[in-house]
Amino acid sequence: MRSRQSILEIFSTFLQFESDSATRWVSDARLRRSMQRCLEESDEQDLSEMVWSLYWHRLWQADSHPLAVAHLSAYLQEVCFWSARKLALNIGSSQSLADFFQIAIVKIHRVLQGFNPQHSSGLKRYASLAFSNVIKDTLRLRQEVDICTDWALMHKLSHKRFVESLQNFGLDASAIAERVFAWQCFKIIYAPAQGKGLRKLAKPDLSTLQAIVDLYNRDRVATLGATAQPCNPALLEQWLTTCGKAARSYLYPSLISADTPQPGAENTEMLDNFESTFQESNLSQIIEAEEEDQRKQTRSQLNATLLKALVKLDLPAQRLLQMYYGKGMTQQEIAKELDTKQYTVSRRLTNLKQSLLQILAEWSQTTLHQTLNSNVVSNMSTILEEWLKLHYSHPDLPS
């Protein structure tokens, strides 16, 4: 497998497998046009592939470009291939290299969700580990799903995954609530001893189904509300059978290639359903707009942090800050007003600002992950001074 060279190729081509081998790169016309437009509109002509990967990742996070995930999927083809190849060589499995590759790349959203540009040296390095974990997790899960019956599988599911499987199946909130409660009753009544044939658990017999129904009907109003309808063994069996199929489908989905022909339209592919109405903006303008949004969010968080700190101050401290920043009084005027010494006022103001500055520094370390040094602290002190002046000049307005 040759390595791709140009930015255009890296973000618009996909591996083609033949007989479990990656034979060549196939260009996607739509992605190629999209990437070509971006390159033409970019003010910087020599941006690295890492910069472009961060650009598409930002658009994917903002859900502002229908082809962002496809561009990132193209970008990560080689990483996914080598992760799949390594596991295919080291893990004894009936799955082929192409199967491993498909298992990993279909979870591209999971990889992108876990990637944090601030905490990683690059998307490729992160994806290499993430794809390996995806394949390993899927193999472990599939082995368990293959071995278990549907009835045993429902005993092993967590509440979170059980609900997610029903949501994925398309049930509404009311139907999910009924089936979740029925599932809980099922686990209480029909619970074989651990390790004794649990994986091969068969369908409950009629007497067991009736016991589950009795428990369900007894507590349904307290659990589901007054409008909950009674259940019967036939309905319960139908519910649980559906739940088992939904869980298996959710945990072990069928993999369908994006270039599979659409039913009844063999000349078209699923990729053709991607919308292409997005008009690419200039790269620098998009990044600038996103950075402005980030700055607004940061200012909002800073404002909330300092307001919370001011509320916790005692009344004399709040009055002192109001006189100094709100009314513009000098320290001598404040000392005369409070019948105290000027140096006392100065010391109290200094202590108050130091306290607020400490809170601001802690927020900066926790939220912005900034390393404190003299320049950063000096800049924070200036920000705090300006914030206090603005706040006490217009205390009823957001700063």
Protein backbone atom coordinates (compact mmCIF):
# COMPACT_ATOMS: atom_id res chain seq x y z
CA MET A 1 0.00 0.00 0.00
CA ARG A 2 1.59 3.24 -1.11
CA SER A 3 1.44 6.35 1.06
CA ARG A 4 -0.61 9.30 -0.06
CA GLN A 5 1.29 12.51 -0.73
CA SER A 6 -0.88 15.57 -1.40
CA ILE A 7 -3.36 17.18 0.99
CA LEU A 8 -6.04 16.82 -1.68
CA GLU A 9 -5.50 13.07 -1.88
CA ILE A 10 -5.20 12.55 1.87
CA PHE A 11 -8.63 14.03 2.54
CA SER A 12 -10.55 12.60 -0.41
CA THR A 13 -9.44 9.01 -1.06
CA PHE A 14 -10.30 5.64 0.50
CA LEU A 15 -8.67 2.23 0.60
CA GLN A 16 -10.08 -0.48 -1.63
CA PHE A 17 -9.77 -4.07 -0.44
CA GLU A 18 -9.52 -7.12 -2.67
CA SER A 19 -9.06 -10.62 -1.22
CA ASP A 20 -8.33 -9.19 2.22
CA SER A 21 -5.59 -6.91 0.87
CA ALA A 22 -5.60 -3.14 0.44
CA THR A 23 -4.84 -2.79 -3.24
CA ARG A 24 -5.30 0.86 -4.18
CA TRP A 25 -6.64 4.29 -3.29
CA VAL A 26 -10.04 5.24 -4.69
CA SER A 27 -10.90 8.93 -5.05
CA ASP A 28 -14.33 10.20 -4.00
CA ALA A 29 -15.38 12.90 -6.47
CA ARG A 30 -17.52 14.82 -4.01
CA LEU A 31 -14.83 14.95 -1.35
CA ARG A 32 -12.24 15.90 -3.94
CA ARG A 33 -14.34 18.87 -5.09
CA SER A 34 -15.00 19.90 -1.50
CA MET A 35 -11.32 19.76 -0.56
CA GLN A 36 -10.28 21.51 -3.76
CA ARG A 37 -12.58 24.45 -2.97
CA CYS A 38 -11.16 24.71 0.54
CA LEU A 39 -7.60 24.73 -0.76
CA GLU A 40 -8.42 27.42 -3.32
CA GLU A 41 -10.17 29.62 -0.73
CA SER A 42 -7.48 29.23 1.91
CA ASP A 43 -5.16 32.19 2.44
CA GLU A 44 -2.46 29.77 3.56
CA GLN A 45 -1.37 27.44 0.76
CA ASP A 46 1.09 25.32 2.76
CA LEU A 47 -1.04 24.21 5.71
CA SER A 48 -0.05 20.79 7.06
CA GLU A 49 -2.35 17.78 7.15
CA MET A 50 -2.53 18.14 10.95
CA VAL A 51 -3.92 21.68 10.60
CA TRP A 52 -6.49 20.48 8.08
CA SER A 53 -7.47 17.59 10.34
CA LEU A 54 -8.10 20.05 13.20
CA TYR A 55 -10.09 22.24 10.80
CA TRP A 56 -12.39 19.39 9.77
CA HIS A 57 -12.65 18.20 13.35
CA ARG A 58 -13.86 21.66 14.42
CA LEU A 59 -16.49 21.64 11.68
CA TRP A 60 -17.53 18.13 12.70
CA GLN A 61 -17.90 19.21 16.33
CA ALA A 62 -20.01 22.19 15.27
CA ASP A 63 -22.06 19.99 12.94
CA SER A 64 -21.64 22.70 10.31
CA HIS A 65 -20.45 20.66 7.34
CA PRO A 66 -22.15 17.48 6.06
CA LEU A 67 -18.90 16.12 4.63
CA ALA A 68 -16.64 16.79 7.64
CA VAL A 69 -16.84 13.23 8.96
CA ALA A 70 -16.19 11.84 5.46
CA HIS A 71 -13.06 13.97 5.08
CA LEU A 72 -11.83 12.79 8.49
CA SER A 73 -12.64 9.19 7.61
CA ALA A 74 -10.51 9.56 4.48
CA TYR A 75 -7.71 11.15 6.51
CA LEU A 76 -7.63 8.25 9.00
CA GLN A 77 -7.67 5.42 6.44
CA GLU A 78 -3.98 4.54 6.86
CA VAL A 79 -4.10 4.71 10.66
CA CYS A 80 -7.14 2.47 10.70
CA PHE A 81 -5.49 0.01 8.29
CA TRP A 82 -2.33 -0.38 10.36
CA SER A 83 -4.31 -0.76 13.60
CA ALA A 84 -6.47 -3.43 11.98
CA ARG A 85 -3.47 -5.19 10.42
CA LYS A 86 -1.58 -5.38 13.70
CA LEU A 87 -4.52 -6.96 15.51
CA ALA A 88 -5.32 -9.30 12.61
CA LEU A 89 -1.77 -10.67 12.82
CA ASN A 90 -1.71 -10.95 16.62
CA ILE A 91 -5.25 -12.08 17.47
CA GLY A 92 -6.59 -15.46 16.51
CA SER A 93 -9.99 -14.72 15.01
CA SER A 94 -12.25 -15.80 12.21
CA GLN A 95 -12.44 -12.13 11.21
CA SER A 96 -10.28 -10.96 8.31
CA LEU A 97 -8.14 -7.84 8.03
CA ALA A 98 -10.88 -6.20 5.97
CA ASP A 99 -13.40 -7.11 8.69
CA PHE A 100 -11.21 -5.53 11.36
CA PHE A 101 -10.79 -2.42 9.22
CA GLN A 102 -14.57 -2.14 8.73
CA ILE A 103 -15.27 -2.69 12.44
CA ALA A 104 -12.94 0.19 13.31
CA ILE A 105 -13.79 2.73 10.61
CA VAL A 106 -17.53 2.39 11.18
CA LYS A 107 -16.91 3.72 14.72
CA ILE A 108 -15.31 6.91 13.40
CA HIS A 109 -17.74 9.06 15.41
CA ARG A 110 -16.63 7.39 18.64
CA VAL A 111 -13.00 8.15 17.80
CA LEU A 112 -13.75 11.77 16.93
CA GLN A 113 -15.80 12.27 20.09
CA GLY A 114 -12.94 11.06 22.26
CA PHE A 115 -10.32 13.26 20.61
CA ASN A 116 -9.39 16.46 22.46
CA PRO A 117 -6.89 18.63 20.54
CA GLN A 118 -5.69 20.27 23.76
CA HIS A 119 -4.77 16.95 25.38
CA SER A 120 -3.32 15.06 22.43
CA SER A 121 -0.36 15.43 20.09
CA GLY A 122 -2.54 14.83 17.04
CA LEU A 123 -5.62 13.07 15.70
CA LYS A 124 -3.63 10.31 13.98
CA ARG A 125 -1.77 9.30 17.11
CA TYR A 126 -4.95 9.30 19.17
CA ALA A 127 -6.90 7.40 16.49
CA SER A 128 -4.26 4.67 16.32
CA LEU A 129 -4.96 3.72 19.93
CA ALA A 130 -8.69 4.39 19.67
CA PHE A 131 -9.17 2.15 16.61
CA SER A 132 -7.32 -0.70 18.35
CA ASN A 133 -9.56 -0.35 21.39
CA VAL A 134 -12.66 -0.28 19.20
CA ILE A 135 -11.70 -3.55 17.52
CA LYS A 136 -10.81 -5.25 20.81
CA ASP A 137 -14.03 -4.08 22.49
CA THR A 138 -16.10 -5.24 19.53
CA LEU A 139 -14.49 -8.69 19.50
CA ARG A 140 -15.07 -9.15 23.22
CA LEU A 141 -18.65 -7.96 22.88
CA ARG A 142 -19.39 -10.09 19.83
CA GLN A 143 -18.06 -13.18 21.52
CA GLU A 144 -20.39 -12.61 24.44
CA VAL A 145 -23.34 -11.83 22.19
CA ASP A 146 -22.72 -14.90 20.04
CA ILE A 147 -22.55 -17.21 23.05
CA CYS A 148 -25.56 -15.83 24.97
CA THR A 149 -29.19 -16.42 24.21
CA ASP A 150 -31.39 -13.33 24.05
CA TRP A 151 -32.75 -14.14 27.51
CA ALA A 152 -29.25 -14.44 28.97
CA LEU A 153 -28.14 -11.30 27.17
CA MET A 154 -30.85 -9.27 28.92
CA HIS A 155 -29.45 -10.40 32.28
CA LYS A 156 -26.00 -9.11 31.36
CA LEU A 157 -27.05 -5.69 30.05
CA SER A 158 -26.61 -2.57 32.14
CA HIS A 159 -29.61 -0.26 32.55
CA LYS A 160 -27.94 2.35 30.33
CA ARG A 161 -27.31 -0.04 27.45
CA PHE A 162 -30.75 -1.59 27.75
CA VAL A 163 -32.40 1.82 27.39
CA GLU A 164 -30.08 2.77 24.52
CA SER A 165 -30.94 -0.43 22.67
CA LEU A 166 -34.67 0.34 22.93
CA GLN A 167 -34.10 3.93 21.79
CA ASN A 168 -32.07 2.62 18.86
CA PHE A 169 -34.96 0.24 18.08
CA GLY A 170 -37.25 3.28 17.66
CA LEU A 171 -39.54 2.98 20.69
CA ASP A 172 -40.99 6.11 22.31
CA ALA A 173 -40.43 7.11 25.94
CA SER A 174 -43.68 5.57 27.21
CA ALA A 175 -43.04 2.21 25.55
CA ILE A 176 -39.44 2.22 26.81
CA ALA A 177 -40.59 2.86 30.38
CA GLU A 178 -42.99 -0.11 30.23
CA ARG A 179 -40.36 -2.46 28.86
CA VAL A 180 -37.67 -1.31 31.25
CA PHE A 181 -39.94 -2.06 34.21
CA ALA A 182 -40.90 -5.43 32.68
CA TRP A 183 -37.17 -6.17 32.22
CA GLN A 184 -36.49 -5.31 35.87
CA CYS A 185 -39.28 -7.66 36.99
CA PHE A 186 -37.89 -10.35 34.66
CA LYS A 187 -34.44 -10.11 36.27
CA ILE A 188 -35.92 -10.32 39.78
CA ILE A 189 -38.10 -13.37 39.15
CA TYR A 190 -36.11 -15.26 36.52
CA ALA A 191 -32.57 -15.16 37.89
CA PRO A 192 -30.68 -18.48 37.76
CA ALA A 193 -27.64 -18.96 39.95
CA GLN A 194 -24.57 -17.25 38.52
CA GLY A 195 -22.48 -19.57 36.35
CA LYS A 196 -25.08 -22.32 36.09
CA GLY A 197 -26.13 -22.25 32.49
CA LEU A 198 -26.78 -18.51 32.45
CA ARG A 199 -25.39 -18.04 28.93
CA LYS A 200 -27.74 -20.70 27.56
CA LEU A 201 -30.73 -19.39 29.49
CA ALA A 202 -33.97 -20.53 27.83
CA LYS A 203 -37.30 -18.75 27.55
CA PRO A 204 -39.20 -18.62 30.88
CA ASP A 205 -42.00 -21.16 31.21
CA LEU A 206 -45.62 -20.09 31.59
CA SER A 207 -45.61 -20.17 35.38
CA THR A 208 -42.51 -17.96 35.49
CA LEU A 209 -44.00 -15.52 32.99
CA GLN A 210 -47.13 -15.33 35.16
CA ALA A 211 -45.02 -14.58 38.25
CA ILE A 212 -43.25 -11.78 36.37
CA VAL A 213 -46.63 -10.43 35.23
CA ASP A 214 -47.96 -10.51 38.80
CA LEU A 215 -44.99 -8.48 40.05
CA TYR A 216 -45.34 -6.04 37.14
CA ASN A 217 -49.08 -5.49 37.70
CA ARG A 218 -48.65 -5.13 41.45
CA ASP A 219 -46.14 -2.28 41.21
CA ARG A 220 -46.93 -0.77 37.81
CA VAL A 221 -48.95 2.20 39.14
CA ALA A 222 -46.30 3.11 41.72
CA THR A 223 -43.54 2.84 39.10
CA LEU A 224 -45.17 4.04 35.87
CA GLY A 225 -48.10 6.15 37.06
CA ALA A 226 -51.87 5.82 37.20
CA THR A 227 -52.25 5.51 33.42
CA ALA A 228 -50.12 2.34 33.22
CA GLN A 229 -52.06 -0.53 31.66
CA PRO A 230 -52.00 -4.10 33.11
CA CYS A 231 -49.90 -6.75 31.42
CA ASN A 232 -50.47 -10.45 30.67
CA PRO A 233 -48.10 -13.38 29.93
CA ALA A 234 -48.53 -13.19 26.14
CA LEU A 235 -47.85 -9.44 26.06
CA LEU A 236 -44.90 -9.81 28.46
CA GLU A 237 -43.33 -12.49 26.29
CA GLN A 238 -43.76 -10.27 23.23
CA TRP A 239 -42.14 -7.33 25.03
CA LEU A 240 -39.17 -9.34 26.27
CA THR A 241 -38.63 -11.05 22.93
CA THR A 242 -38.54 -7.65 21.24
CA CYS A 243 -36.15 -6.34 23.91
CA GLY A 244 -33.79 -9.27 23.34
CA LYS A 245 -33.71 -8.69 19.59
CA ALA A 246 -33.23 -4.95 20.10
CA ALA A 247 -30.31 -5.56 22.48
CA ARG A 248 -28.60 -7.99 20.10
CA SER A 249 -29.09 -5.65 17.14
CA TYR A 250 -27.73 -2.73 19.14
CA LEU A 251 -24.67 -4.57 20.46
CA TYR A 252 -23.95 -6.46 17.25
CA PRO A 253 -25.09 -4.26 14.33
CA SER A 254 -24.76 -5.37 10.74
CA LEU A 255 -21.96 -3.57 8.93
CA ILE A 256 -22.93 -2.02 5.61
CA SER A 257 -20.39 -0.34 3.37
CA ALA A 258 -21.11 3.25 2.41
CA ASP A 259 -20.55 2.38 -1.25
CA THR A 260 -23.24 -0.34 -1.22
CA PRO A 261 -25.79 0.17 -4.04
CA GLN A 262 -29.12 1.49 -2.83
CA PRO A 263 -32.05 -0.97 -3.09
CA GLY A 264 -33.86 -0.51 -6.41
CA ALA A 265 -31.19 1.91 -7.64
CA GLU A 266 -28.08 -0.11 -8.42
CA ASN A 267 -26.38 2.84 -10.12
CA THR A 268 -26.36 4.92 -6.94
CA GLU A 269 -24.59 4.50 -3.61
CA MET A 270 -25.42 5.45 -0.05
CA LEU A 271 -22.71 8.10 -0.20
CA ASP A 272 -24.85 9.87 -2.81
CA ASN A 273 -27.32 10.76 -0.05
CA PHE A 274 -24.85 13.17 1.55
CA GLU A 275 -26.02 16.71 1.11
CA SER A 276 -23.77 19.03 -0.84
CA THR A 277 -25.55 22.30 -0.19
CA PHE A 278 -22.89 23.61 2.18
CA GLN A 279 -20.99 26.53 0.75
CA GLU A 280 -17.43 26.50 2.05
CA SER A 281 -16.37 29.74 3.66
CA ASN A 282 -12.88 31.05 3.71
CA LEU A 283 -10.86 28.91 6.13
CA SER A 284 -9.50 31.83 8.09
CA GLN A 285 -12.98 33.33 8.47
CA ILE A 286 -14.40 30.08 9.85
CA ILE A 287 -11.56 29.69 12.33
CA GLU A 288 -11.86 33.34 13.37
CA ALA A 289 -15.61 32.96 13.98
CA GLU A 290 -15.06 29.82 16.05
CA GLU A 291 -12.34 31.50 18.08
CA GLU A 292 -14.67 34.44 18.76
CA ASP A 293 -17.33 32.02 20.01
CA GLN A 294 -14.74 30.46 22.29
CA ARG A 295 -13.73 33.89 23.61
CA LYS A 296 -17.37 34.74 24.36
CA GLN A 297 -17.79 31.48 26.23
CA THR A 298 -14.62 32.12 28.21
CA ARG A 299 -15.75 35.65 29.13
CA SER A 300 -19.11 34.30 30.26
CA GLN A 301 -17.43 31.70 32.50
CA LEU A 302 -15.06 34.30 33.94
CA ASN A 303 -17.96 36.64 34.66
CA ALA A 304 -19.90 33.91 36.47
CA THR A 305 -16.85 32.92 38.52
CA LEU A 306 -16.15 36.45 39.74
CA LEU A 307 -19.81 37.24 40.43
CA LYS A 308 -20.04 34.11 42.56
CA ALA A 309 -16.93 35.22 44.47
CA LEU A 310 -18.35 38.72 45.09
CA VAL A 311 -21.59 37.31 46.49
CA LYS A 312 -19.60 35.42 49.13
CA LEU A 313 -17.90 38.59 50.43
CA ASP A 314 -19.17 40.18 53.64
CA LEU A 315 -21.09 43.46 53.47
CA PRO A 316 -18.21 45.73 54.58
CA ALA A 317 -16.00 44.28 51.82
CA GLN A 318 -18.72 44.73 49.19
CA ARG A 319 -19.32 48.30 50.39
CA LEU A 320 -15.58 49.06 50.17
CA LEU A 321 -15.40 47.78 46.57
CA GLN A 322 -18.53 49.74 45.64
CA MET A 323 -17.07 52.99 47.03
CA TYR A 324 -13.70 52.50 45.32
CA TYR A 325 -14.75 51.15 41.92
CA GLY A 326 -18.39 52.23 41.68
CA LYS A 327 -18.25 55.75 43.08
CA GLY A 328 -14.63 56.39 42.13
CA MET A 329 -13.68 57.54 45.62
CA THR A 330 -10.02 57.84 46.57
CA GLN A 331 -8.57 55.87 49.47
CA GLN A 332 -8.37 59.06 51.52
CA GLU A 333 -12.05 59.82 50.88
CA ILE A 334 -13.05 56.28 51.79
CA ALA A 335 -10.96 56.44 55.00
CA LYS A 336 -12.70 59.67 55.97
CA GLU A 337 -16.13 58.20 55.15
CA LEU A 338 -15.45 55.06 57.23
CA ASP A 339 -13.60 56.93 59.99
CA THR A 340 -10.44 54.88 59.61
CA LYS A 341 -6.87 55.26 58.38
CA GLN A 342 -5.88 55.47 54.70
CA TYR A 343 -3.36 52.61 55.03
CA THR A 344 -6.13 50.42 56.49
CA VAL A 345 -8.26 51.05 53.42
CA SER A 346 -5.29 50.32 51.15
CA ARG A 347 -4.49 47.07 52.94
CA ARG A 348 -8.12 45.89 52.82
CA LEU A 349 -8.40 46.68 49.10
CA THR A 350 -5.14 44.83 48.40
CA ASN A 351 -6.29 41.78 50.38
CA LEU A 352 -9.64 41.73 48.58
CA LYS A 353 -8.03 41.92 45.15
CA GLN A 354 -5.50 39.24 46.09
CA SER A 355 -8.36 36.97 47.18
CA LEU A 356 -10.24 37.53 43.92
CA LEU A 357 -7.03 37.11 41.92
CA GLN A 358 -6.44 33.75 43.60
CA ILE A 359 -9.94 32.60 42.60
CA LEU A 360 -9.33 33.82 39.06
CA ALA A 361 -6.01 31.95 38.91
CA GLU A 362 -7.60 28.71 40.10
CA TRP A 363 -10.35 29.08 37.49
CA SER A 364 -7.75 29.71 34.80
CA GLN A 365 -5.78 26.59 35.73
CA THR A 366 -8.88 24.39 35.90
CA THR A 367 -10.81 25.70 32.89
CA LEU A 368 -8.16 27.07 30.53
CA HIS A 369 -5.36 24.71 31.67
CA GLN A 370 -2.98 27.66 31.85
CA THR A 371 0.41 27.37 33.52
CA LEU A 372 0.84 30.28 35.90
CA ASN A 373 3.87 32.53 35.59
CA SER A 374 4.56 36.19 36.28
CA ASN A 375 3.24 37.35 32.90
CA VAL A 376 0.03 35.37 33.22
CA VAL A 377 -0.58 36.63 36.77
CA SER A 378 0.11 40.20 35.70
CA ASN A 379 -2.36 39.87 32.84
CA MET A 380 -4.96 38.40 35.20
CA SER A 381 -4.48 41.31 37.58
CA THR A 382 -5.19 43.75 34.75
CA ILE A 383 -8.26 41.77 33.68
CA LEU A 384 -9.55 41.73 37.26
CA GLU A 385 -9.04 45.48 37.66
CA GLU A 386 -10.94 46.22 34.44
CA TRP A 387 -13.70 43.78 35.36
CA LEU A 388 -14.24 45.35 38.79
CA LYS A 389 -14.43 48.85 37.29
CA LEU A 390 -16.96 47.74 34.68
CA HIS A 391 -19.02 45.71 37.14
CA TYR A 392 -19.34 48.39 39.80
CA SER A 393 -19.97 51.08 37.21
CA HIS A 394 -22.94 49.04 35.92
CA PRO A 395 -23.62 46.39 38.59
CA ASP A 396 -26.98 45.43 37.06
CA LEU A 397 -25.53 44.73 33.62
CA PRO A 398 -23.56 41.64 32.56
CA SER A 399 -19.81 42.33 32.42
